[in-house]
Amino acid sequence: MANSSCMKFIFLCLLLYSSLAALQNSDTNSTNKLSVDETKLIKIEDTSGLSEDEVRQVAKKIDKKEAKKNKEIKKRVRWEDLSPTPVQSDWVETKSGEWFRGKIKGLYNDKLEFDSDEVGVYTFDLDDIKAIKSYQILSVNIENLASISGILRLDGDKLTIIQGDEKYLFPKSQIVSFAPDAELERNLWSGKITFNLDIRSGNTKQADYASQIALKRRTARSILAFDYLGRISFKDNEEIANDHRINEKYDRYITRHFFWTPLFSEYYTDKYKNIKHQATAGFGLGYTLIDTKKTLWNLSGGPAVIYTQFYTVETGHNGSNYSPAMELSTKFERELSAITDFTYDYKLTFSDRDAGVYKHHMIIKFENDLTSWFDLDFTAIWDYVDKPTEDAQGIKPKSSDYQFLVGLGIEF
């Protein structure tokens, strides 16, 4: 039986890796771009010895030359052709001709996150952006080529990265991502906290408390994400639920669609499912199946190991165990309207009998913008374990747990 489980585990690993490799090769062969070793992108640093302010002065001179050139071509500059000079702030122009002043937080999957004093944190589609003039030094990931730090200028489909002694030109289509080359670590982080509270009284007194926390550290070439989901419930002053889940995922982007995950992990505890501690760690690959203006769909997965410690077990059974596992996950995001986003997040894990054989964690969420930083969220959660472990009294927990949450979220 052990050999059979092992062979299934190895087969699933080979199947996932061969499928994702085929997708990557198909994407690479369909493009006519520079071919390099994608796992070793060159990082081009500014070796001029100039300070950040001096590099900005270089960028300012280049801006003036471009403006003079445009003036000579057009003979007469129209008001809508003028653009602001970045002073202490970044500037973004939309295709409608509107300029926004603020701070670039990062661009990933063709979504630019921008923090403006007027509109707060706002996400632009890259296709809707006509021009970008950065004040910050940004680290830009160019597909299949390099990561370059410098002042960023985007004009239509032309991208320019300015360093002290060099100026690099690329088409807009080769941008994978960019983010501030921040001196302060906090500039790389963003997140959201959602609080859910349900209190009932009358024939039954019940109180349900739940919270969700999502944190991300984003650079031009990677995303480190932490997610927490916790719930505590009381009925007639007696605790009836107490579970907590922490997920971590570190993705390294190689191309616009292909990424690898050096480490994903999860810690889970559920008093009423007889799980005192459960830790999962693994690595894998990922691929973006759909990446359009309003839709994003990713698939990822890889081999893992699970350690489980139970509260109590029947006599003759181990109180803890290690299990090889295979984890597959998918995330689908869809912009339904200007204020409503839909997310489907599904994670599937295969393991041995003592770890539950098969389990999944599914989240369906509708996020509704009340303001630029304040949301009303509706969340449905389904957790399932195929073979839950009986406790010392022989009581077997139910396989499925369902939650429906209505909460207020704060973005930062």
Protein backbone atom coordinates (compact mmCIF):
# COMPACT_ATOMS: atom_id res chain seq x y z
CA MET A 1 0.00 0.00 0.00
CA ALA A 2 2.85 2.35 0.86
CA ASN A 3 4.56 1.61 -2.48
CA SER A 4 1.30 2.29 -4.33
CA SER A 5 0.87 5.68 -2.63
CA CYS A 6 4.48 6.55 -3.40
CA MET A 7 4.09 5.66 -7.09
CA LYS A 8 0.92 7.79 -7.32
CA PHE A 9 2.76 10.69 -5.70
CA ILE A 10 5.70 10.44 -8.13
CA PHE A 11 3.33 10.15 -11.12
CA LEU A 12 1.42 13.28 -10.11
CA CYS A 13 4.71 15.21 -9.72
CA LEU A 14 5.90 14.19 -13.19
CA LEU A 15 2.50 14.98 -14.73
CA LEU A 16 2.38 18.51 -13.27
CA TYR A 17 5.94 19.41 -14.19
CA SER A 18 5.70 18.05 -17.75
CA SER A 19 2.41 19.91 -18.34
CA LEU A 20 3.74 23.23 -17.13
CA ALA A 21 6.98 22.78 -19.07
CA ALA A 22 4.96 22.17 -22.24
CA LEU A 23 2.98 25.35 -21.67
CA GLN A 24 6.18 27.33 -21.19
CA ASN A 25 7.79 25.92 -24.36
CA SER A 26 4.63 26.64 -26.36
CA ASP A 27 4.63 30.26 -25.19
CA THR A 28 8.33 30.70 -25.91
CA ASN A 29 8.14 29.21 -29.41
CA SER A 30 5.18 31.43 -30.33
CA THR A 31 7.17 34.61 -29.78
CA ASN A 32 10.12 36.01 -31.67
CA LYS A 33 12.12 37.49 -28.78
CA LEU A 34 15.63 37.35 -27.46
CA SER A 35 16.35 33.88 -26.07
CA VAL A 36 18.38 33.72 -22.87
CA ASP A 37 18.60 31.54 -19.78
CA GLU A 38 15.31 32.60 -18.13
CA THR A 39 16.34 31.45 -14.68
CA LYS A 40 19.35 33.80 -14.64
CA LEU A 41 18.08 37.21 -15.67
CA ILE A 42 20.77 39.88 -15.72
CA LYS A 43 20.42 42.63 -13.13
CA ILE A 44 21.70 45.91 -14.57
CA GLU A 45 22.72 48.33 -11.84
CA ASP A 46 23.61 51.99 -12.23
CA THR A 47 27.44 52.13 -12.06
CA SER A 48 27.75 55.86 -12.72
CA GLY A 49 28.26 56.71 -9.06
CA LEU A 50 25.59 59.43 -9.27
CA SER A 51 23.13 59.95 -6.42
CA GLU A 52 19.38 59.45 -6.96
CA ASP A 53 18.85 63.22 -7.19
CA GLU A 54 21.62 63.48 -9.80
CA VAL A 55 20.00 60.69 -11.84
CA ARG A 56 16.73 62.63 -11.66
CA GLN A 57 18.53 65.68 -13.06
CA VAL A 58 19.76 63.53 -15.96
CA ALA A 59 16.17 62.42 -16.57
CA LYS A 60 15.01 66.05 -16.41
CA LYS A 61 17.49 67.07 -19.13
CA ILE A 62 16.28 64.19 -21.33
CA ASP A 63 12.67 65.31 -20.77
CA LYS A 64 13.58 68.84 -21.87
CA LYS A 65 15.27 67.54 -25.02
CA GLU A 66 12.20 65.46 -25.87
CA ALA A 67 9.90 68.46 -25.28
CA LYS A 68 12.10 70.66 -27.49
CA LYS A 69 12.09 68.02 -30.22
CA ASN A 70 8.29 67.75 -30.07
CA LYS A 71 8.00 71.54 -30.23
CA GLU A 72 10.18 71.72 -33.34
CA ILE A 73 8.12 69.00 -35.00
CA LYS A 74 4.71 70.44 -34.15
CA LYS A 75 5.78 74.10 -34.30
CA ARG A 76 3.11 74.85 -31.76
CA VAL A 77 2.54 72.89 -28.53
CA ARG A 78 -1.08 72.33 -27.57
CA TRP A 79 -2.15 72.37 -23.90
CA GLU A 80 -3.03 68.66 -23.98
CA ASP A 81 0.47 67.83 -25.26
CA LEU A 82 2.16 69.33 -22.19
CA SER A 83 3.17 67.06 -19.32
CA PRO A 84 4.14 67.74 -15.69
CA THR A 85 7.68 67.55 -14.31
CA PRO A 86 8.10 64.89 -11.60
CA VAL A 87 8.98 66.69 -8.34
CA GLN A 88 8.67 64.51 -5.22
CA SER A 89 5.90 62.52 -6.96
CA ASP A 90 5.28 60.12 -9.84
CA TRP A 91 2.88 61.00 -12.64
CA VAL A 92 0.56 58.77 -14.70
CA GLU A 93 -1.46 59.82 -17.76
CA THR A 94 -4.45 57.82 -18.95
CA LYS A 95 -5.51 57.50 -22.59
CA SER A 96 -8.30 59.99 -21.88
CA GLY A 97 -5.63 62.64 -21.24
CA GLU A 98 -6.02 62.85 -17.44
CA TRP A 99 -2.86 63.16 -15.32
CA PHE A 100 -2.64 61.63 -11.82
CA ARG A 101 -0.03 62.68 -9.24
CA GLY A 102 1.05 60.27 -6.52
CA LYS A 103 3.29 57.27 -5.88
CA ILE A 104 3.77 54.11 -7.92
CA LYS A 105 3.40 51.02 -5.70
CA GLY A 106 4.05 48.47 -8.43
CA LEU A 107 2.93 46.87 -11.69
CA TYR A 108 2.14 43.13 -11.92
CA ASN A 109 0.04 41.20 -14.42
CA ASP A 110 -0.57 44.41 -16.41
CA LYS A 111 -2.14 46.08 -13.33
CA LEU A 112 -0.55 49.32 -12.05
CA GLU A 113 -1.19 50.07 -8.38
CA PHE A 114 -0.97 53.80 -7.77
CA ASP A 115 -1.36 55.77 -4.51
CA SER A 116 -2.78 59.25 -5.01
CA ASP A 117 -3.66 61.82 -2.36
CA GLU A 118 -6.83 62.63 -4.32
CA VAL A 119 -8.22 59.15 -5.12
CA GLY A 120 -6.29 56.95 -2.68
CA VAL A 121 -4.90 53.59 -3.76
CA TYR A 122 -6.15 52.91 -7.30
CA THR A 123 -5.40 50.14 -9.83
CA PHE A 124 -5.01 51.05 -13.51
CA ASP A 125 -5.00 48.60 -16.42
CA LEU A 126 -1.71 49.00 -18.29
CA ASP A 127 -3.68 49.18 -21.56
CA ASP A 128 -5.43 52.31 -20.25
CA ILE A 129 -2.16 54.15 -19.54
CA LYS A 130 -0.68 56.50 -22.10
CA ALA A 131 2.34 57.84 -20.19
CA ILE A 132 4.29 57.36 -16.95
CA LYS A 133 6.90 59.72 -15.52
CA SER A 134 8.46 58.35 -12.33
CA TYR A 135 10.22 60.34 -9.64
CA GLN A 136 11.18 57.19 -7.76
CA ILE A 137 13.96 54.87 -8.85
CA LEU A 138 12.11 51.80 -10.11
CA SER A 139 13.33 48.24 -10.64
CA VAL A 140 11.93 47.08 -13.99
CA ASN A 141 11.76 43.42 -15.02
CA ILE A 142 12.13 43.09 -18.82
CA GLU A 143 10.81 39.80 -20.20
CA ASN A 144 13.50 37.16 -20.88
CA LEU A 145 16.26 39.74 -20.53
CA ALA A 146 17.08 41.74 -17.39
CA SER A 147 16.06 43.60 -14.28
CA ILE A 148 17.04 47.26 -14.63
CA SER A 149 16.92 50.00 -11.99
CA GLY A 150 16.38 53.61 -13.00
CA ILE A 151 13.99 56.47 -13.70
CA LEU A 152 11.07 55.24 -15.82
CA ARG A 153 9.49 57.03 -18.76
CA LEU A 154 6.63 55.48 -20.71
CA ASP A 155 5.33 57.28 -23.79
CA GLY A 156 2.75 55.29 -25.72
CA ASP A 157 4.42 51.98 -26.61
CA LYS A 158 7.96 53.23 -25.92
CA LEU A 159 9.61 52.48 -22.57
CA THR A 160 12.75 54.35 -21.47
CA ILE A 161 14.80 53.53 -18.36
CA ILE A 162 17.30 56.22 -17.41
CA GLN A 163 20.43 55.64 -15.36
CA GLY A 164 23.37 57.98 -14.73
CA ASP A 165 25.41 57.10 -17.83
CA GLU A 166 22.96 54.96 -19.77
CA LYS A 167 19.50 55.07 -21.32
CA TYR A 168 17.71 51.80 -22.17
CA LEU A 169 14.84 51.58 -24.68
CA PHE A 170 12.27 48.76 -24.87
CA PRO A 171 8.78 48.24 -26.28
CA LYS A 172 5.98 48.44 -23.74
CA SER A 173 5.03 44.83 -24.46
CA GLN A 174 8.26 43.56 -22.86
CA ILE A 175 7.42 44.89 -19.38
CA VAL A 176 6.84 41.99 -16.97
CA SER A 177 6.65 44.07 -13.79
CA PHE A 178 8.17 47.00 -11.94
CA ALA A 179 8.25 48.33 -8.39
CA PRO A 180 10.09 50.98 -6.36
CA ASP A 181 13.76 50.18 -5.82
CA ALA A 182 12.96 51.17 -2.26
CA GLU A 183 15.41 52.09 0.46
CA LEU A 184 12.65 51.64 3.03
CA GLU A 185 11.38 48.07 3.32
CA ARG A 186 7.85 49.24 4.14
CA ASN A 187 7.50 50.69 0.62
CA LEU A 188 7.50 47.15 -0.76
CA TRP A 189 4.54 45.98 1.35
CA SER A 190 0.78 46.31 0.86
CA GLY A 191 -2.18 44.54 2.37
CA LYS A 192 -5.80 44.28 3.42
CA ILE A 193 -7.56 43.49 6.72
CA THR A 194 -11.19 42.32 6.76
CA PHE A 195 -13.31 42.02 9.91
CA ASN A 196 -16.45 39.89 10.11
CA LEU A 197 -18.84 39.92 13.09
CA ASP A 198 -22.19 38.17 13.57
CA ILE A 199 -23.97 38.47 16.95
CA ARG A 200 -27.42 36.96 17.55
CA SER A 201 -29.62 36.94 20.63
CA GLY A 202 -33.11 35.74 21.60
CA ASN A 203 -33.85 32.02 21.80
CA THR A 204 -30.20 31.38 21.00
CA LYS A 205 -27.24 33.55 21.93
CA GLN A 206 -24.51 33.16 19.35
CA ALA A 207 -21.49 35.23 18.39
CA ASP A 208 -19.21 34.56 15.39
CA TYR A 209 -15.92 36.37 14.97
CA ALA A 210 -13.80 35.99 11.84
CA SER A 211 -10.96 37.94 10.29
CA GLN A 212 -8.91 37.81 7.12
CA ILE A 213 -5.49 39.38 6.63
CA ALA A 214 -3.62 39.53 3.31
CA LEU A 215 -0.06 40.88 3.12
CA LYS A 216 2.18 41.14 0.05
CA ARG A 217 5.81 42.10 -0.43
CA ARG A 218 6.33 42.91 -4.09
CA THR A 219 9.43 43.60 -6.10
CA ALA A 220 9.93 43.69 -9.87
CA ARG A 221 10.71 39.96 -10.00
CA SER A 222 8.89 38.38 -7.06
CA ILE A 223 5.82 38.35 -4.82
CA LEU A 224 5.85 37.11 -1.22
CA ALA A 225 2.29 36.68 0.06
CA PHE A 226 0.93 35.89 3.53
CA ASP A 227 -2.77 35.15 4.13
CA TYR A 228 -4.52 34.56 7.44
CA LEU A 229 -8.06 33.28 7.99
CA GLY A 230 -9.38 32.75 11.50
CA ARG A 231 -12.73 32.05 13.16
CA ILE A 232 -14.00 31.75 16.74
CA SER A 233 -17.69 31.07 17.52
CA PHE A 234 -19.71 30.87 20.73
CA LYS A 235 -23.24 29.55 21.23
CA ASP A 236 -24.98 30.08 24.58
CA ASN A 237 -21.58 31.08 25.99
CA GLU A 238 -20.00 27.79 24.88
CA GLU A 239 -17.26 27.70 22.23
CA ILE A 240 -18.33 25.77 19.14
CA ALA A 241 -15.63 26.72 16.60
CA ASN A 242 -11.96 27.69 16.79
CA ASP A 243 -9.80 27.39 13.66
CA HIS A 244 -6.92 29.34 12.14
CA ARG A 245 -5.08 29.07 8.82
CA ILE A 246 -1.90 30.87 7.67
CA ASN A 247 -0.67 30.51 4.07
CA GLU A 248 2.65 31.66 2.62
CA LYS A 249 3.65 31.67 -1.05
CA TYR A 250 6.81 33.03 -2.67
CA ASP A 251 6.69 33.39 -6.48
CA ARG A 252 9.62 34.32 -8.73
CA TYR A 253 8.58 35.63 -12.15
CA ILE A 254 10.63 34.43 -15.12
CA THR A 255 8.42 35.60 -17.98
CA ARG A 256 5.09 37.39 -18.14
CA HIS A 257 3.24 34.06 -17.88
CA PHE A 258 5.67 31.64 -16.25
CA PHE A 259 6.82 31.64 -12.62
CA TRP A 260 8.30 29.20 -10.15
CA THR A 261 7.65 28.89 -6.41
CA PRO A 262 10.75 28.10 -4.31
CA LEU A 263 8.51 27.75 -1.24
CA PHE A 264 4.83 27.55 -0.38
CA SER A 265 3.64 26.66 3.11
CA GLU A 266 0.60 26.49 5.35
CA TYR A 267 -0.06 26.26 9.08
CA TYR A 268 -3.51 25.07 10.13
CA THR A 269 -5.18 24.31 13.46
CA ASP A 270 -8.80 23.33 14.14
CA LYS A 271 -9.84 22.25 17.61
CA TYR A 272 -13.10 20.72 16.41
CA LYS A 273 -11.50 18.75 13.57
CA ASN A 274 -9.02 17.20 16.02
CA ILE A 275 -6.06 18.96 14.36
CA LYS A 276 -3.74 20.52 16.93
CA HIS A 277 -1.01 21.45 14.46
CA GLN A 278 -0.72 20.83 10.73
CA ALA A 279 2.19 22.23 8.73
CA THR A 280 2.66 21.92 4.96
CA ALA A 281 5.74 22.93 2.96
CA GLY A 282 6.60 22.45 -0.70
CA PHE A 283 7.79 23.98 -3.97
CA GLY A 284 6.43 24.13 -7.50
CA LEU A 285 5.78 25.85 -10.80
CA GLY A 286 3.07 28.18 -12.05
CA TYR A 287 1.60 29.46 -15.29
CA THR A 288 -0.84 32.23 -16.22
CA LEU A 289 -3.53 30.68 -18.41
CA ILE A 290 -5.50 33.90 -19.03
CA ASP A 291 -4.22 37.44 -18.65
CA THR A 292 -6.54 40.06 -20.11
CA LYS A 293 -7.70 43.51 -19.10
CA LYS A 294 -10.43 42.18 -16.79
CA THR A 295 -9.53 38.53 -16.22
CA LEU A 296 -6.59 36.73 -14.60
CA TRP A 297 -6.31 32.95 -14.20
CA ASN A 298 -3.25 31.24 -12.70
CA LEU A 299 -2.46 27.55 -12.17
CA SER A 300 0.35 26.33 -9.91
CA GLY A 301 1.40 23.37 -7.83
CA GLY A 302 4.12 20.96 -6.80
CA PRO A 303 5.26 18.30 -4.33
CA ALA A 304 5.07 18.91 -0.58
CA VAL A 305 5.31 17.27 2.83
CA ILE A 306 2.67 17.48 5.59
CA TYR A 307 3.21 17.15 9.34
CA THR A 308 0.06 16.62 11.44
CA GLN A 309 -0.33 16.45 15.22
CA PHE A 310 -3.75 15.51 16.62
CA TYR A 311 -5.37 16.54 19.90
CA THR A 312 -6.35 12.95 20.77
CA VAL A 313 -6.40 9.61 18.91
CA GLU A 314 -7.74 6.14 19.55
CA THR A 315 -5.53 3.67 21.39
CA GLY A 316 -2.95 2.12 19.07
CA HIS A 317 -2.88 5.07 16.65
CA ASN A 318 -0.03 7.57 16.28
CA GLY A 319 -0.63 11.04 17.71
CA SER A 320 1.28 12.60 14.81
CA ASN A 321 2.56 11.71 11.35
CA TYR A 322 4.48 12.90 8.29
CA SER A 323 3.05 12.43 4.80
CA PRO A 324 4.26 13.12 1.24
CA ALA A 325 1.75 15.25 -0.64
CA MET A 326 0.92 16.82 -3.96
CA GLU A 327 -0.64 20.28 -3.98
CA LEU A 328 -2.46 21.93 -6.90
CA SER A 329 -3.96 25.40 -6.76
CA THR A 330 -5.72 27.82 -9.06
CA LYS A 331 -6.78 31.44 -8.70
CA PHE A 332 -9.30 33.15 -10.95
CA GLU A 333 -9.93 36.90 -10.74
CA ARG A 334 -12.53 38.80 -12.74
CA GLU A 335 -13.46 42.47 -12.73
CA LEU A 336 -17.26 42.42 -12.88
CA SER A 337 -17.74 46.19 -12.82
CA ALA A 338 -15.93 49.39 -11.89
CA ILE A 339 -16.56 48.72 -8.19
CA THR A 340 -16.95 44.91 -7.94
CA ASP A 341 -14.27 42.22 -8.24
CA PHE A 342 -14.80 38.44 -8.14
CA THR A 343 -12.16 35.97 -6.88
CA TYR A 344 -12.18 32.16 -6.93
CA ASP A 345 -9.28 30.60 -4.98
CA TYR A 346 -9.00 26.79 -4.85
CA LYS A 347 -6.30 24.58 -3.34
CA LEU A 348 -6.30 20.78 -3.62
CA THR A 349 -3.97 18.45 -1.67
CA PHE A 350 -3.39 14.70 -2.06
CA SER A 351 -1.69 12.86 0.83
CA ASP A 352 -1.66 9.53 2.66
CA ARG A 353 -4.48 8.11 4.84
CA ASP A 354 -3.32 9.62 8.15
CA ALA A 355 -3.24 13.13 6.67
CA GLY A 356 -6.76 12.83 5.21
CA VAL A 357 -6.04 11.36 1.71
CA TYR A 358 -7.68 14.28 -0.07
CA LYS A 359 -8.58 17.77 1.10
CA HIS A 360 -9.40 21.11 -0.42
CA HIS A 361 -9.75 24.74 0.66
CA MET A 362 -12.02 26.87 -1.53
CA ILE A 363 -12.76 30.60 -1.26
CA ILE A 364 -15.28 32.56 -3.35
CA LYS A 365 -15.21 36.31 -2.75
CA PHE A 366 -16.99 39.41 -4.03
CA GLU A 367 -15.17 42.66 -3.15
CA ASN A 368 -17.19 45.86 -3.47
CA ASP A 369 -15.43 49.23 -3.30
CA LEU A 370 -17.10 51.69 -0.93
CA THR A 371 -14.14 54.08 -1.18
CA SER A 372 -10.64 53.76 -2.62
CA TRP A 373 -9.45 52.03 0.58
CA PHE A 374 -12.65 50.70 2.19
CA ASP A 375 -14.49 47.59 0.88
CA LEU A 376 -17.62 45.57 1.60
CA ASP A 377 -16.74 41.90 1.11
CA PHE A 378 -18.92 38.80 0.74
CA THR A 379 -16.98 35.55 1.20
CA ALA A 380 -17.99 31.87 0.95
CA ILE A 381 -15.57 29.19 2.19
CA TRP A 382 -15.70 25.40 1.82
CA ASP A 383 -13.13 23.21 3.60
CA TYR A 384 -13.21 19.46 2.97
CA VAL A 385 -11.21 16.48 4.31
CA ASP A 386 -11.98 13.07 2.81
CA LYS A 387 -10.78 10.96 5.78
CA PRO A 388 -10.79 12.99 9.02
CA THR A 389 -9.06 11.35 12.01
CA GLU A 390 -11.20 10.10 14.91
CA ASP A 391 -10.42 11.33 18.43
CA ALA A 392 -9.83 9.21 21.55
CA GLN A 393 -13.61 8.72 22.02
CA GLY A 394 -14.00 7.43 18.48
CA ILE A 395 -15.83 10.56 17.35
CA LYS A 396 -15.17 11.30 13.69
CA PRO A 397 -15.30 14.98 12.61
CA LYS A 398 -17.50 15.88 9.65
CA SER A 399 -15.71 16.05 6.32
CA SER A 400 -17.06 19.47 5.26
CA ASP A 401 -17.06 22.88 6.90
CA TYR A 402 -18.87 25.84 5.36
CA GLN A 403 -18.62 29.55 6.15
CA PHE A 404 -20.35 32.61 4.73
CA LEU A 405 -18.82 35.92 5.78
CA VAL A 406 -19.89 39.52 5.35
CA GLY A 407 -17.18 41.94 6.38
CA LEU A 408 -15.58 45.34 6.01
CA GLY A 409 -12.09 45.47 4.54
CA ILE A 410 -9.38 48.11 4.92
CA GLU A 411 -6.65 48.31 2.25
CA PHE A 412 -3.22 49.76 2.94
